[in-house]
Amino acid sequence: MADLTLAPRTPLGHALPEQHNIGGFALTEVVDTALGSLTVRAGQSAAVADRAAAAGLPLPGPACWLPGAPYAAFWLAQDSWMIEAPFASHEDIHRHLRGLFGDTASITEQTDGWARFDIRGEHLPALFERLCPVDLRGLAPGHATRTVVEHIGCYLIWREPGRISVIGPRSSAAALWHALETAARALA
């Protein structure tokens, strides 16, 4: 049998993450975050809330993202969140979350199903009004929502002033990256 050596690839298919500066925007492919979804099982809301609080894992309300260490989270639906953690320490995020929540919640590994792109710049509302139907002018950091960019279902997370993450399906990473670059060039 052949001796195979596998090398990891980013969602855009490269050995290292992409980063482009276009006009006043910096677009970065982010690959250092593990993702797992957490959904409360029937009758376990209090138990999940208690275990999350004990672990320092934030469980934000609708349309919100909350940072934390080592966990951050954004709201997906009632009693359901996407949990983020550093990939270096939480590559198997399912095992970490299962250890915290046991049978009180359903945990699904999500890391390899998604591509994350961070966009930095001063004029993010102008950029995103070309990409999706989310009006950032009336929102603030900490906002998270599901939206559509170029017919691709995505999550939009406003992490801090001047920095937004777009998380979309890994299978559409190249198309999503192209849409971000095209919109940035239009404003450059």
C-alpha atoms as a PDB file:
ATOM      1  CA  MET A   1       0.000   0.000   0.000  1.00  0.00           C
ATOM      2  CA  ALA A   2       1.196   3.508  -0.790  1.00  0.00           C
ATOM      3  CA  ASP A   3       2.517   5.684   2.007  1.00  0.00           C
ATOM      4  CA  LEU A   4       0.318   8.800   1.985  1.00  0.00           C
ATOM      5  CA  THR A   5       1.038  12.123   3.591  1.00  0.00           C
ATOM      6  CA  LEU A   6      -1.927  14.434   3.941  1.00  0.00           C
ATOM      7  CA  ALA A   7      -1.618  18.188   4.241  1.00  0.00           C
ATOM      8  CA  PRO A   8      -4.433  20.398   5.517  1.00  0.00           C
ATOM      9  CA  ARG A   9      -5.938  22.937   3.138  1.00  0.00           C
ATOM     10  CA  THR A  10      -7.822  26.105   3.936  1.00  0.00           C
ATOM     11  CA  PRO A  11     -11.416  26.452   2.694  1.00  0.00           C
ATOM     12  CA  LEU A  12     -10.003  28.367  -0.292  1.00  0.00           C
ATOM     13  CA  GLY A  13      -7.760  25.386  -1.066  1.00  0.00           C
ATOM     14  CA  HIS A  14      -4.374  26.754  -0.053  1.00  0.00           C
ATOM     15  CA  ALA A  15      -1.746  25.735   2.468  1.00  0.00           C
ATOM     16  CA  LEU A  16      -1.964  29.126   4.208  1.00  0.00           C
ATOM     17  CA  PRO A  17      -4.947  31.469   4.717  1.00  0.00           C
ATOM     18  CA  GLU A  18      -5.572  34.168   2.127  1.00  0.00           C
ATOM     19  CA  GLN A  19      -5.298  37.835   3.008  1.00  0.00           C
ATOM     20  CA  HIS A  20      -5.929  40.709   0.639  1.00  0.00           C
ATOM     21  CA  ASN A  21      -5.904  44.456   1.181  1.00  0.00           C
ATOM     22  CA  ILE A  22      -8.251  46.230  -1.201  1.00  0.00           C
ATOM     23  CA  GLY A  23      -8.680  49.966  -0.797  1.00  0.00           C
ATOM     24  CA  GLY A  24      -9.533  50.569   2.855  1.00  0.00           C
ATOM     25  CA  PHE A  25     -10.518  46.937   3.505  1.00  0.00           C
ATOM     26  CA  ALA A  26      -8.501  43.973   4.745  1.00  0.00           C
ATOM     27  CA  LEU A  27     -10.023  40.578   3.895  1.00  0.00           C
ATOM     28  CA  THR A  28      -8.674  37.585   5.808  1.00  0.00           C
ATOM     29  CA  GLU A  29      -9.461  33.887   5.634  1.00  0.00           C
ATOM     30  CA  VAL A  30      -9.649  32.706   9.268  1.00  0.00           C
ATOM     31  CA  VAL A  31      -8.743  29.076   9.990  1.00  0.00           C
ATOM     32  CA  ASP A  32      -7.824  29.114  13.681  1.00  0.00           C
ATOM     33  CA  THR A  33     -11.344  28.685  15.095  1.00  0.00           C
ATOM     34  CA  ALA A  34     -13.172  25.466  15.955  1.00  0.00           C
ATOM     35  CA  LEU A  35     -16.975  25.485  15.633  1.00  0.00           C
ATOM     36  CA  GLY A  36     -19.636  23.348  17.250  1.00  0.00           C
ATOM     37  CA  SER A  37     -23.391  23.753  17.455  1.00  0.00           C
ATOM     38  CA  LEU A  38     -25.135  23.310  20.787  1.00  0.00           C
ATOM     39  CA  THR A  39     -28.884  22.722  21.090  1.00  0.00           C
ATOM     40  CA  VAL A  40     -30.705  22.271  24.394  1.00  0.00           C
ATOM     41  CA  ARG A  41     -32.544  18.981  24.750  1.00  0.00           C
ATOM     42  CA  ALA A  42     -36.169  18.967  25.941  1.00  0.00           C
ATOM     43  CA  GLY A  43     -36.517  19.994  29.581  1.00  0.00           C
ATOM     44  CA  GLN A  44     -32.800  20.771  29.996  1.00  0.00           C
ATOM     45  CA  SER A  45     -32.728  24.581  29.645  1.00  0.00           C
ATOM     46  CA  ALA A  46     -31.816  25.245  33.274  1.00  0.00           C
ATOM     47  CA  ALA A  47     -29.142  22.537  33.331  1.00  0.00           C
ATOM     48  CA  VAL A  48     -27.541  23.869  30.127  1.00  0.00           C
ATOM     49  CA  ALA A  49     -27.605  27.454  31.440  1.00  0.00           C
ATOM     50  CA  ASP A  50     -25.977  26.365  34.717  1.00  0.00           C
ATOM     51  CA  ARG A  51     -23.260  24.331  32.986  1.00  0.00           C
ATOM     52  CA  ALA A  52     -22.546  27.093  30.491  1.00  0.00           C
ATOM     53  CA  ALA A  53     -22.223  29.670  33.281  1.00  0.00           C
ATOM     54  CA  ALA A  54     -19.886  27.384  35.230  1.00  0.00           C
ATOM     55  CA  ALA A  55     -17.683  26.953  32.133  1.00  0.00           C
ATOM     56  CA  GLY A  56     -17.694  30.668  31.275  1.00  0.00           C
ATOM     57  CA  LEU A  57     -19.453  29.893  27.994  1.00  0.00           C
ATOM     58  CA  PRO A  58     -21.745  32.766  26.963  1.00  0.00           C
ATOM     59  CA  LEU A  59     -25.182  31.892  25.571  1.00  0.00           C
ATOM     60  CA  PRO A  60     -26.357  35.122  23.891  1.00  0.00           C
ATOM     61  CA  GLY A  61     -29.921  36.038  23.055  1.00  0.00           C
ATOM     62  CA  PRO A  62     -31.409  36.472  19.576  1.00  0.00           C
ATOM     63  CA  ALA A  63     -29.284  38.251  16.975  1.00  0.00           C
ATOM     64  CA  CYS A  64     -26.295  38.459  19.334  1.00  0.00           C
ATOM     65  CA  TRP A  65     -22.698  37.277  19.557  1.00  0.00           C
ATOM     66  CA  LEU A  66     -20.767  37.270  22.823  1.00  0.00           C
ATOM     67  CA  PRO A  67     -17.010  36.835  23.212  1.00  0.00           C
ATOM     68  CA  GLY A  68     -15.464  34.801  25.975  1.00  0.00           C
ATOM     69  CA  ALA A  69     -12.387  32.783  26.820  1.00  0.00           C
ATOM     70  CA  PRO A  70     -11.932  30.197  25.583  1.00  0.00           C
ATOM     71  CA  TYR A  71     -15.471  30.087  24.202  1.00  0.00           C
ATOM     72  CA  ALA A  72     -17.477  32.638  22.221  1.00  0.00           C
ATOM     73  CA  ALA A  73     -20.962  32.018  20.862  1.00  0.00           C
ATOM     74  CA  PHE A  74     -23.628  33.383  18.574  1.00  0.00           C
ATOM     75  CA  TRP A  75     -27.339  32.695  18.616  1.00  0.00           C
ATOM     76  CA  LEU A  76     -28.752  30.387  15.911  1.00  0.00           C
ATOM     77  CA  ALA A  77     -32.335  29.796  17.048  1.00  0.00           C
ATOM     78  CA  GLN A  78     -34.288  29.315  20.269  1.00  0.00           C
ATOM     79  CA  ASP A  79     -32.121  27.209  22.609  1.00  0.00           C
ATOM     80  CA  SER A  80     -29.445  26.794  19.907  1.00  0.00           C
ATOM     81  CA  TRP A  81     -26.008  28.425  19.477  1.00  0.00           C
ATOM     82  CA  MET A  82     -22.831  28.141  17.443  1.00  0.00           C
ATOM     83  CA  ILE A  83     -19.871  27.855  19.796  1.00  0.00           C
ATOM     84  CA  GLU A  84     -16.417  29.108  18.805  1.00  0.00           C
ATOM     85  CA  ALA A  85     -13.110  28.170  20.450  1.00  0.00           C
ATOM     86  CA  PRO A  86      -9.424  28.317  19.503  1.00  0.00           C
ATOM     87  CA  PHE A  87      -8.666  25.470  17.106  1.00  0.00           C
ATOM     88  CA  ALA A  88      -5.234  24.857  18.649  1.00  0.00           C
ATOM     89  CA  SER A  89      -6.763  23.851  21.982  1.00  0.00           C
ATOM     90  CA  HIS A  90     -10.225  22.702  20.831  1.00  0.00           C
ATOM     91  CA  GLU A  91      -9.658  20.852  17.556  1.00  0.00           C
ATOM     92  CA  ASP A  92     -12.117  18.242  18.809  1.00  0.00           C
ATOM     93  CA  ILE A  93     -14.652  20.791  20.052  1.00  0.00           C
ATOM     94  CA  HIS A  94     -17.357  18.101  20.152  1.00  0.00           C
ATOM     95  CA  ARG A  95     -15.457  16.244  22.882  1.00  0.00           C
ATOM     96  CA  HIS A  96     -14.928  19.439  24.893  1.00  0.00           C
ATOM     97  CA  LEU A  97     -18.580  20.466  24.705  1.00  0.00           C
ATOM     98  CA  ARG A  98     -19.851  16.933  25.362  1.00  0.00           C
ATOM     99  CA  GLY A  99     -17.703  16.923  28.505  1.00  0.00           C
ATOM    100  CA  LEU A 100     -19.352  20.157  29.652  1.00  0.00           C
ATOM    101  CA  PHE A 101     -22.961  19.380  28.758  1.00  0.00           C
ATOM    102  CA  GLY A 102     -23.273  15.580  28.788  1.00  0.00           C
ATOM    103  CA  ASP A 103     -26.787  14.516  27.795  1.00  0.00           C
ATOM    104  CA  THR A 104     -28.370  17.933  28.438  1.00  0.00           C
ATOM    105  CA  ALA A 105     -27.606  19.184  24.914  1.00  0.00           C
ATOM    106  CA  SER A 106     -27.059  17.935  21.388  1.00  0.00           C
ATOM    107  CA  ILE A 107     -23.593  18.831  20.119  1.00  0.00           C
ATOM    108  CA  THR A 108     -22.563  18.753  16.465  1.00  0.00           C
ATOM    109  CA  GLU A 109     -19.037  19.298  15.122  1.00  0.00           C
ATOM    110  CA  GLN A 110     -19.203  22.170  12.601  1.00  0.00           C
ATOM    111  CA  THR A 111     -15.590  23.236  11.998  1.00  0.00           C
ATOM    112  CA  ASP A 112     -15.026  21.694   8.575  1.00  0.00           C
ATOM    113  CA  GLY A 113     -18.445  22.635   7.243  1.00  0.00           C
ATOM    114  CA  TRP A 114     -17.852  26.388   7.296  1.00  0.00           C
ATOM    115  CA  ALA A 115     -15.463  29.027   5.957  1.00  0.00           C
ATOM    116  CA  ARG A 116     -14.859  32.232   7.892  1.00  0.00           C
ATOM    117  CA  PHE A 117     -13.709  35.506   6.402  1.00  0.00           C
ATOM    118  CA  ASP A 118     -12.971  38.581   8.513  1.00  0.00           C
ATOM    119  CA  ILE A 119     -13.304  41.998   6.936  1.00  0.00           C
ATOM    120  CA  ARG A 120     -11.715  45.058   8.521  1.00  0.00           C
ATOM    121  CA  GLY A 121     -12.268  48.616   7.463  1.00  0.00           C
ATOM    122  CA  GLU A 122     -13.858  51.939   8.307  1.00  0.00           C
ATOM    123  CA  HIS A 123     -16.687  51.778   5.789  1.00  0.00           C
ATOM    124  CA  LEU A 124     -18.196  48.380   6.536  1.00  0.00           C
ATOM    125  CA  PRO A 125     -21.836  49.559   6.243  1.00  0.00           C
ATOM    126  CA  ALA A 126     -21.159  50.752   2.681  1.00  0.00           C
ATOM    127  CA  LEU A 127     -19.482  47.446   1.830  1.00  0.00           C
ATOM    128  CA  PHE A 128     -22.204  45.232   3.268  1.00  0.00           C
ATOM    129  CA  GLU A 129     -25.071  47.194   1.720  1.00  0.00           C
ATOM    130  CA  ARG A 130     -23.672  45.913  -1.594  1.00  0.00           C
ATOM    131  CA  LEU A 131     -23.504  42.328  -0.323  1.00  0.00           C
ATOM    132  CA  CYS A 132     -26.597  41.572   1.754  1.00  0.00           C
ATOM    133  CA  PRO A 133     -29.896  42.962   3.067  1.00  0.00           C
ATOM    134  CA  VAL A 134     -28.505  43.822   6.523  1.00  0.00           C
ATOM    135  CA  ASP A 135     -28.391  47.547   7.342  1.00  0.00           C
ATOM    136  CA  LEU A 136     -25.356  47.877   9.596  1.00  0.00           C
ATOM    137  CA  ARG A 137     -25.986  51.586  10.156  1.00  0.00           C
ATOM    138  CA  GLY A 138     -28.619  50.786  12.793  1.00  0.00           C
ATOM    139  CA  LEU A 139     -26.630  48.009  14.457  1.00  0.00           C
ATOM    140  CA  ALA A 140     -23.617  47.739  16.746  1.00  0.00           C
ATOM    141  CA  PRO A 141     -20.793  45.332  17.560  1.00  0.00           C
ATOM    142  CA  GLY A 142     -22.146  42.166  19.134  1.00  0.00           C
ATOM    143  CA  HIS A 143     -24.834  41.808  16.476  1.00  0.00           C
ATOM    144  CA  ALA A 144     -25.053  38.431  14.710  1.00  0.00           C
ATOM    145  CA  THR A 145     -27.548  37.393  12.080  1.00  0.00           C
ATOM    146  CA  ARG A 146     -28.190  34.952   9.299  1.00  0.00           C
ATOM    147  CA  THR A 147     -28.283  36.518   5.847  1.00  0.00           C
ATOM    148  CA  VAL A 148     -27.593  35.840   2.186  1.00  0.00           C
ATOM    149  CA  VAL A 149     -24.508  36.965   0.256  1.00  0.00           C
ATOM    150  CA  GLU A 150     -24.642  36.203  -3.495  1.00  0.00           C
ATOM    151  CA  HIS A 151     -27.361  33.571  -2.879  1.00  0.00           C
ATOM    152  CA  ILE A 152     -25.177  31.886  -0.239  1.00  0.00           C
ATOM    153  CA  GLY A 153     -26.638  31.467   3.245  1.00  0.00           C
ATOM    154  CA  CYS A 154     -24.186  33.028   5.716  1.00  0.00           C
ATOM    155  CA  TYR A 155     -23.820  34.252   9.268  1.00  0.00           C
ATOM    156  CA  LEU A 156     -22.718  37.843   9.746  1.00  0.00           C
ATOM    157  CA  ILE A 157     -21.019  38.639  13.062  1.00  0.00           C
ATOM    158  CA  TRP A 158     -20.030  42.174  14.028  1.00  0.00           C
ATOM    159  CA  ARG A 159     -17.134  41.405  16.384  1.00  0.00           C
ATOM    160  CA  GLU A 160     -15.844  44.910  17.122  1.00  0.00           C
ATOM    161  CA  PRO A 161     -15.838  48.361  15.529  1.00  0.00           C
ATOM    162  CA  GLY A 162     -14.245  47.986  12.115  1.00  0.00           C
ATOM    163  CA  ARG A 163     -14.332  44.159  12.039  1.00  0.00           C
ATOM    164  CA  ILE A 164     -17.031  41.801  10.782  1.00  0.00           C
ATOM    165  CA  SER A 165     -16.904  38.052  10.171  1.00  0.00           C
ATOM    166  CA  VAL A 166     -18.799  36.299   7.412  1.00  0.00           C
ATOM    167  CA  ILE A 167     -19.239  32.574   7.975  1.00  0.00           C
ATOM    168  CA  GLY A 168     -20.512  30.638   4.974  1.00  0.00           C
ATOM    169  CA  PRO A 169     -20.552  27.051   3.737  1.00  0.00           C
ATOM    170  CA  ARG A 170     -17.092  25.698   3.009  1.00  0.00           C
ATOM    171  CA  SER A 171     -18.382  24.350  -0.310  1.00  0.00           C
ATOM    172  CA  SER A 172     -19.088  27.962  -1.388  1.00  0.00           C
ATOM    173  CA  ALA A 173     -15.904  29.514   0.037  1.00  0.00           C
ATOM    174  CA  ALA A 174     -14.440  30.584  -3.317  1.00  0.00           C
ATOM    175  CA  ALA A 175     -17.696  32.202  -4.470  1.00  0.00           C
ATOM    176  CA  LEU A 176     -18.113  33.996  -1.150  1.00  0.00           C
ATOM    177  CA  TRP A 177     -14.504  35.244  -1.197  1.00  0.00           C
ATOM    178  CA  HIS A 178     -15.010  36.495  -4.772  1.00  0.00           C
ATOM    179  CA  ALA A 179     -18.154  38.395  -3.718  1.00  0.00           C
ATOM    180  CA  LEU A 180     -16.287  40.063  -0.839  1.00  0.00           C
ATOM    181  CA  GLU A 181     -13.366  41.032  -3.069  1.00  0.00           C
ATOM    182  CA  THR A 182     -15.673  42.371  -5.791  1.00  0.00           C
ATOM    183  CA  ALA A 183     -17.613  44.551  -3.346  1.00  0.00           C
ATOM    184  CA  ALA A 184     -14.374  45.861  -1.804  1.00  0.00           C
ATOM    185  CA  ARG A 185     -12.988  46.730  -5.258  1.00  0.00           C
ATOM    186  CA  ALA A 186     -16.193  48.596  -6.082  1.00  0.00           C
ATOM    187  CA  LEU A 187     -15.516  50.911  -3.127  1.00  0.00           C
ATOM    188  CA  ALA A 188     -11.722  51.148  -3.535  1.00  0.00           C
END
